[in-house]
Amino acid sequence: MTTSPIAATAGAARQRLASSLAALQQDPNLPAAVLEIASGLARAMGPLFQVERGTGEPGLLFAARAVLQETLSRMQAVDQSVAGVPDATAAIAQSLGMIFASIREHQILDPATQQPVPLSHPPAPTPAPAPTPAQREAPPVLLVQPAAAPVPLVQPAAAPIPLVQHAAPPVAATAAAMPQRHVETAHHEPLRSVIPDTAAKVPMGPNGLPRIEVELDVHSESTFYTNFLGDIRDHGGIFVATFGALSVSTPCEVVIAFPGSLTAEVRGVVRWKREPKGNTDQTPGLGVEITQASPEAWKLIDRFIKNREPIVHEV
């Protein structure tokens, strides 16, 4: 019997979920929150099995996707130290990646709308806001500079600025430090082509853009994020835990202080925001997609995420 590419994808996603579910079910005393995660894995496997066996339409991939997205959102409230939970998070993210790719590649119609899935699932490149005069004059390559004494990006050719150097400890952008290995939920606002008035609440840098300083370590709330496919250079960026207010679509500069007194300066665009939630200790913040960074900055970023896994965020 010949297996279609869609059926093969459904089978691979189902097997990945089944493996994670089996690991969770080995513990007879799972907390109630983890039992809900296990239930979500099992419910998603049903439509995937029908597509795999050819007894269901490819559109059932949308049903599996909806269940996995709902389950993934619940992972925020689950203790990641429980055996099998980190693997369940990875299994859901990997299965969603496979499902997204198959739906888009084979142009499967959503049964609810009879329309193909928008290219934003998974995220597609978003047109950058129209550059301001100050942005058009700035060079495309970003330099890594000391956080204590930022230098304009435009420098005389006879005296270039070193891309990586030791710096004085920058002002921390975090209000609290705690591990963070969960999936954020985006709060979308329409894209704008100009810097909004709210940008005035964040200091302006020498290049005419809002300038954010953030200090990273293994326990900081601020950290890097990626999409479901795990590519930080493709719709990935840095989450900055801050009370500073910038609207979605605002271009900005971010000065990143890494462990070891090294800094990197990148440019990006605010793509999502995390709002404060009630009386919780969760610090609000901004998700900044990195749009420009020097090769030296990417080296520092790659070295950091090898030691601390980025959070997964669906934009």
Protein backbone atom coordinates (compact mmCIF):
# COMPACT_ATOMS: atom_id res chain seq x y z
CA MET A 1 0.00 0.00 0.00
CA THR A 2 1.38 3.42 -0.95
CA THR A 3 1.34 6.05 1.78
CA SER A 4 0.68 9.65 0.75
CA PRO A 5 2.97 12.43 2.04
CA ILE A 6 0.09 13.84 4.11
CA ALA A 7 -0.58 10.44 5.72
CA ALA A 8 3.13 9.99 6.40
CA THR A 9 3.28 13.36 8.16
CA ALA A 10 0.20 12.52 10.25
CA GLY A 11 1.78 9.20 11.20
CA ALA A 12 5.08 10.82 12.21
CA ALA A 13 3.30 13.43 14.35
CA ARG A 14 1.09 10.77 15.97
CA GLN A 15 4.05 8.56 16.81
CA ARG A 16 5.91 11.46 18.40
CA LEU A 17 2.88 12.28 20.57
CA ALA A 18 2.35 8.59 21.42
CA SER A 19 5.94 8.27 22.64
CA SER A 20 5.54 11.29 24.93
CA LEU A 21 2.14 10.10 26.18
CA ALA A 22 3.56 6.69 27.07
CA ALA A 23 6.30 8.36 29.12
CA LEU A 24 3.73 10.43 31.05
CA GLN A 25 1.50 7.43 31.75
CA GLN A 26 4.31 5.57 33.52
CA ASP A 27 3.62 7.68 36.61
CA PRO A 28 0.34 6.59 38.27
CA ASN A 29 0.28 9.72 40.47
CA LEU A 30 0.34 12.48 37.89
CA PRO A 31 -0.91 15.92 39.05
CA ALA A 32 -4.26 17.01 37.66
CA ALA A 33 -2.66 19.64 35.39
CA VAL A 34 -0.37 17.02 33.85
CA LEU A 35 -3.32 14.66 33.34
CA GLU A 36 -4.98 17.38 31.24
CA ILE A 37 -1.83 17.56 29.10
CA ALA A 38 -1.89 13.78 28.65
CA SER A 39 -5.55 13.99 27.68
CA GLY A 40 -4.73 16.64 25.07
CA LEU A 41 -2.05 14.42 23.53
CA ALA A 42 -4.50 11.54 23.30
CA ARG A 43 -7.25 13.68 21.75
CA ALA A 44 -4.89 15.04 19.09
CA MET A 45 -3.77 11.52 18.16
CA GLY A 46 -7.33 10.54 17.12
CA PRO A 47 -7.68 12.72 13.98
CA LEU A 48 -4.01 12.13 13.13
CA PHE A 49 -4.62 8.37 13.18
CA GLN A 50 -7.59 8.74 10.80
CA VAL A 51 -5.51 10.75 8.32
CA GLU A 52 -2.64 8.29 8.64
CA ARG A 53 -4.90 5.31 7.88
CA GLY A 54 -6.75 7.06 5.07
CA THR A 55 -10.12 6.84 6.85
CA GLY A 56 -10.34 10.61 7.35
CA GLU A 57 -9.96 13.71 5.21
CA PRO A 58 -6.70 15.70 5.31
CA GLY A 59 -8.73 18.54 6.82
CA LEU A 60 -8.64 16.62 10.11
CA LEU A 61 -5.12 18.00 10.51
CA PHE A 62 -6.80 21.28 11.50
CA ALA A 63 -8.66 19.50 14.32
CA ALA A 64 -5.40 17.99 15.60
CA ARG A 65 -3.71 21.37 15.35
CA ALA A 66 -6.44 23.09 17.39
CA VAL A 67 -6.19 20.49 20.19
CA LEU A 68 -2.38 20.78 20.30
CA GLN A 69 -2.48 24.59 20.38
CA GLU A 70 -4.96 24.49 23.27
CA THR A 71 -2.81 21.94 25.10
CA LEU A 72 0.33 23.94 24.51
CA SER A 73 -1.24 27.04 26.04
CA ARG A 74 -1.98 25.04 29.20
CA MET A 75 1.69 24.09 29.53
CA GLN A 76 2.33 27.51 31.09
CA ALA A 77 0.63 26.35 34.29
CA VAL A 78 2.37 22.95 34.44
CA ASP A 79 5.41 22.26 36.62
CA GLN A 80 8.23 21.56 34.17
CA SER A 81 10.10 19.51 36.79
CA VAL A 82 7.52 16.69 36.56
CA ALA A 83 9.01 13.72 34.71
CA GLY A 84 7.92 13.64 31.08
CA VAL A 85 6.56 17.21 30.94
CA PRO A 86 9.55 18.78 29.11
CA ASP A 87 9.39 16.00 26.51
CA ALA A 88 5.63 16.55 26.13
CA THR A 89 6.27 20.24 25.42
CA ALA A 90 8.84 19.34 22.79
CA ALA A 91 6.55 16.69 21.26
CA ILE A 92 3.68 19.17 20.89
CA ALA A 93 5.95 21.81 19.33
CA GLN A 94 7.49 19.32 16.90
CA SER A 95 4.12 17.87 15.91
CA LEU A 96 2.68 21.34 15.33
CA GLY A 97 5.66 22.15 13.12
CA MET A 98 5.05 19.04 11.01
CA ILE A 99 1.31 19.73 10.76
CA PHE A 100 1.83 23.40 9.82
CA ALA A 101 4.31 22.44 7.10
CA SER A 102 2.02 19.77 5.62
CA ILE A 103 -1.05 22.04 5.59
CA ARG A 104 0.85 24.80 3.86
CA GLU A 105 2.78 22.59 1.42
CA HIS A 106 -0.29 20.67 0.23
CA GLN A 107 -2.67 23.68 0.44
CA ILE A 108 -5.15 21.80 2.61
CA LEU A 109 -8.40 23.72 3.10
CA ASP A 110 -9.65 24.52 6.58
CA PRO A 111 -13.00 22.64 6.90
CA ALA A 112 -14.44 25.53 8.91
CA THR A 113 -13.75 28.19 6.28
CA GLN A 114 -12.92 26.21 3.11
CA GLN A 115 -9.90 28.49 2.79
CA PRO A 116 -6.19 27.59 2.74
CA VAL A 117 -4.28 28.29 5.92
CA PRO A 118 -2.84 31.82 6.00
CA LEU A 119 0.90 31.94 5.53
CA SER A 120 1.20 33.31 9.06
CA HIS A 121 0.68 29.73 10.34
CA PRO A 122 3.52 29.04 10.75
CA PRO A 123 4.71 32.64 10.82
CA ALA A 124 5.69 34.11 7.47
CA PRO A 125 7.93 37.11 6.92
CA THR A 126 6.14 40.32 7.88
CA PRO A 127 6.91 43.43 5.80
CA ALA A 128 9.06 45.77 7.83
CA PRO A 129 7.63 49.21 8.67
CA ALA A 130 8.59 52.01 6.28
CA PRO A 131 11.96 53.42 7.39
CA THR A 132 12.16 56.90 8.88
CA PRO A 133 14.72 59.39 7.52
CA ALA A 134 16.99 58.57 10.47
CA GLN A 135 16.78 54.86 9.65
CA ARG A 136 17.54 55.39 5.95
CA GLU A 137 20.74 57.20 6.85
CA ALA A 138 21.94 54.50 9.28
CA PRO A 139 24.18 51.71 7.91
CA PRO A 140 22.78 48.15 7.71
CA VAL A 141 25.49 46.58 9.88
CA LEU A 142 25.07 46.82 13.65
CA LEU A 143 28.06 47.12 15.93
CA VAL A 144 28.58 45.62 19.36
CA GLN A 145 29.49 48.37 21.81
CA PRO A 146 30.00 48.85 25.57
CA ALA A 147 26.65 49.22 27.29
CA ALA A 148 27.95 51.94 29.64
CA ALA A 149 28.95 54.31 26.83
CA PRO A 150 26.99 53.61 23.61
CA VAL A 151 28.62 54.95 20.45
CA PRO A 152 26.70 55.93 17.29
CA LEU A 153 26.71 53.26 14.61
CA VAL A 154 28.14 55.66 12.02
CA GLN A 155 31.88 56.05 12.64
CA PRO A 156 34.80 57.43 10.57
CA ALA A 157 36.49 54.75 8.47
CA ALA A 158 39.84 55.51 10.14
CA ALA A 159 38.58 54.58 13.60
CA PRO A 160 36.14 51.59 13.41
CA ILE A 161 34.33 50.47 16.54
CA PRO A 162 35.24 46.92 17.73
CA LEU A 163 32.35 44.50 17.24
CA VAL A 164 32.93 42.63 20.51
CA GLN A 165 34.61 44.01 23.59
CA HIS A 166 34.40 43.97 27.38
CA ALA A 167 31.92 46.40 28.79
CA ALA A 168 30.89 47.83 32.10
CA PRO A 169 27.82 46.09 33.58
CA PRO A 170 24.74 47.58 31.86
CA VAL A 171 21.60 48.64 33.63
CA ALA A 172 19.46 45.53 34.00
CA ALA A 173 16.15 45.54 32.16
CA THR A 174 14.61 42.82 34.35
CA ALA A 175 12.53 43.45 37.45
CA ALA A 176 12.72 39.85 38.71
CA ALA A 177 14.73 36.74 37.89
CA MET A 178 13.16 33.33 37.45
CA PRO A 179 13.48 30.35 35.04
CA GLN A 180 11.23 30.51 32.02
CA ARG A 181 10.71 27.53 29.68
CA HIS A 182 7.14 27.92 28.52
CA VAL A 183 5.26 29.09 25.47
CA GLU A 184 4.08 32.68 25.33
CA THR A 185 0.78 33.70 23.74
CA ALA A 186 0.95 36.71 21.45
CA HIS A 187 -1.11 39.86 21.82
CA HIS A 188 -1.37 41.25 18.29
CA GLU A 189 -1.85 44.84 17.24
CA PRO A 190 -2.02 46.18 13.68
CA LEU A 191 1.36 46.99 12.12
CA ARG A 192 2.22 50.66 11.85
CA SER A 193 4.75 52.40 9.67
CA VAL A 194 5.82 55.09 12.16
CA ILE A 195 7.12 55.11 15.73
CA PRO A 196 4.05 55.65 17.98
CA ASP A 197 3.87 58.22 20.76
CA THR A 198 4.23 55.50 23.40
CA ALA A 199 7.84 55.07 22.28
CA ALA A 200 8.61 58.23 24.28
CA LYS A 201 8.35 56.13 27.46
CA VAL A 202 11.56 54.31 26.45
CA PRO A 203 14.84 56.31 26.12
CA MET A 204 15.84 57.19 22.58
CA GLY A 205 19.22 56.02 21.30
CA PRO A 206 21.76 58.01 19.26
CA ASN A 207 20.25 56.70 16.00
CA GLY A 208 16.78 58.09 16.67
CA LEU A 209 15.25 54.76 17.77
CA PRO A 210 13.94 53.64 21.17
CA ARG A 211 16.84 51.97 22.98
CA ILE A 212 16.31 49.05 25.40
CA GLU A 213 19.04 47.58 27.60
CA VAL A 214 18.70 44.00 28.85
CA GLU A 215 20.94 41.74 30.92
CA LEU A 216 20.79 37.97 30.34
CA ASP A 217 21.81 35.04 32.52
CA VAL A 218 20.64 31.46 33.04
CA HIS A 219 17.78 32.57 35.33
CA SER A 220 16.73 35.94 33.89
CA GLU A 221 13.14 36.44 32.82
CA SER A 222 14.51 38.06 29.68
CA THR A 223 15.65 35.43 27.18
CA PHE A 224 15.55 34.54 23.49
CA TYR A 225 12.53 33.03 21.74
CA THR A 226 11.99 31.04 18.56
CA ASN A 227 9.05 29.85 16.48
CA PHE A 228 7.83 26.24 16.49
CA LEU A 229 10.54 25.28 14.02
CA GLY A 230 13.24 26.46 16.40
CA ASP A 231 15.01 28.89 14.05
CA ILE A 232 15.94 32.10 15.87
CA ARG A 233 17.05 33.72 12.60
CA ASP A 234 13.60 33.15 11.07
CA HIS A 235 10.90 34.90 13.13
CA GLY A 236 12.89 34.59 16.35
CA GLY A 237 14.14 37.27 18.69
CA ILE A 238 14.54 38.33 22.28
CA PHE A 239 11.91 38.66 25.00
CA VAL A 240 12.72 41.66 27.22
CA ALA A 241 11.05 41.63 30.62
CA THR A 242 10.36 45.33 31.13
CA PHE A 243 7.70 47.80 32.21
CA GLY A 244 8.74 50.08 29.35
CA ALA A 245 5.92 50.71 26.90
CA LEU A 246 6.39 50.27 23.16
CA SER A 247 3.60 49.41 20.75
CA VAL A 248 3.67 46.40 18.44
CA SER A 249 5.45 47.20 15.13
CA THR A 250 7.76 49.76 16.76
CA PRO A 251 11.36 49.56 15.45
CA CYS A 252 13.94 49.74 18.22
CA GLU A 253 17.52 48.99 19.30
CA VAL A 254 18.34 46.41 21.98
CA VAL A 255 21.66 46.38 23.86
CA ILE A 256 22.15 42.84 25.18
CA ALA A 257 24.54 42.16 28.07
CA PHE A 258 25.72 38.53 28.07
CA PRO A 259 27.46 36.65 30.89
CA GLY A 260 31.16 37.41 30.80
CA SER A 261 30.82 41.21 30.42
CA LEU A 262 30.19 41.06 26.66
CA THR A 263 27.53 43.10 24.93
CA ALA A 264 25.88 43.08 21.54
CA GLU A 265 23.65 45.67 19.94
CA VAL A 266 20.92 44.55 17.56
CA ARG A 267 17.98 46.16 15.83
CA GLY A 268 14.50 44.75 15.76
CA VAL A 269 10.76 45.32 15.70
CA VAL A 270 8.33 44.76 18.57
CA ARG A 271 6.14 41.86 17.39
CA TRP A 272 4.25 40.94 20.59
CA LYS A 273 3.73 42.00 24.16
CA ARG A 274 3.23 40.17 27.45
CA GLU A 275 0.75 42.03 29.60
CA PRO A 276 0.76 41.81 33.43
CA LYS A 277 -1.68 39.22 34.76
CA GLY A 278 -3.64 40.12 37.86
CA ASN A 279 -1.75 39.64 41.12
CA THR A 280 0.89 37.28 39.70
CA ASP A 281 4.62 37.99 39.89
CA GLN A 282 4.94 37.70 36.10
CA THR A 283 6.77 40.73 34.73
CA PRO A 284 5.33 42.26 31.55
CA GLY A 285 7.61 42.59 28.57
CA LEU A 286 8.20 42.94 24.84
CA GLY A 287 8.95 40.33 22.19
CA VAL A 288 11.42 41.95 19.78
CA GLU A 289 12.08 40.18 16.48
CA ILE A 290 15.74 40.59 15.55
CA THR A 291 15.96 42.13 12.07
CA GLN A 292 19.59 43.29 11.98
CA ALA A 293 22.63 41.97 13.83
CA SER A 294 26.32 41.68 13.11
CA PRO A 295 27.98 38.25 12.67
CA GLU A 296 29.72 38.74 16.02
CA ALA A 297 26.37 39.42 17.70
CA TRP A 298 24.91 36.21 16.24
CA LYS A 299 27.90 34.28 17.59
CA LEU A 300 27.17 35.53 21.10
CA ILE A 301 23.47 34.72 20.69
CA ASP A 302 24.20 31.19 19.40
CA ARG A 303 26.60 30.54 22.28
CA PHE A 304 24.02 31.67 24.84
CA ILE A 305 21.12 29.56 23.49
CA LYS A 306 23.34 26.45 23.54
CA ASN A 307 23.40 26.80 27.33
CA ARG A 308 19.84 28.05 27.80
CA GLU A 309 17.09 26.84 25.52
CA PRO A 310 14.92 29.64 24.05
CA ILE A 311 11.23 29.78 24.85
CA VAL A 312 8.81 28.81 22.07
CA HIS A 313 6.47 31.54 20.94
CA GLU A 314 3.77 31.46 18.26
CA VAL A 315 3.62 34.84 16.54
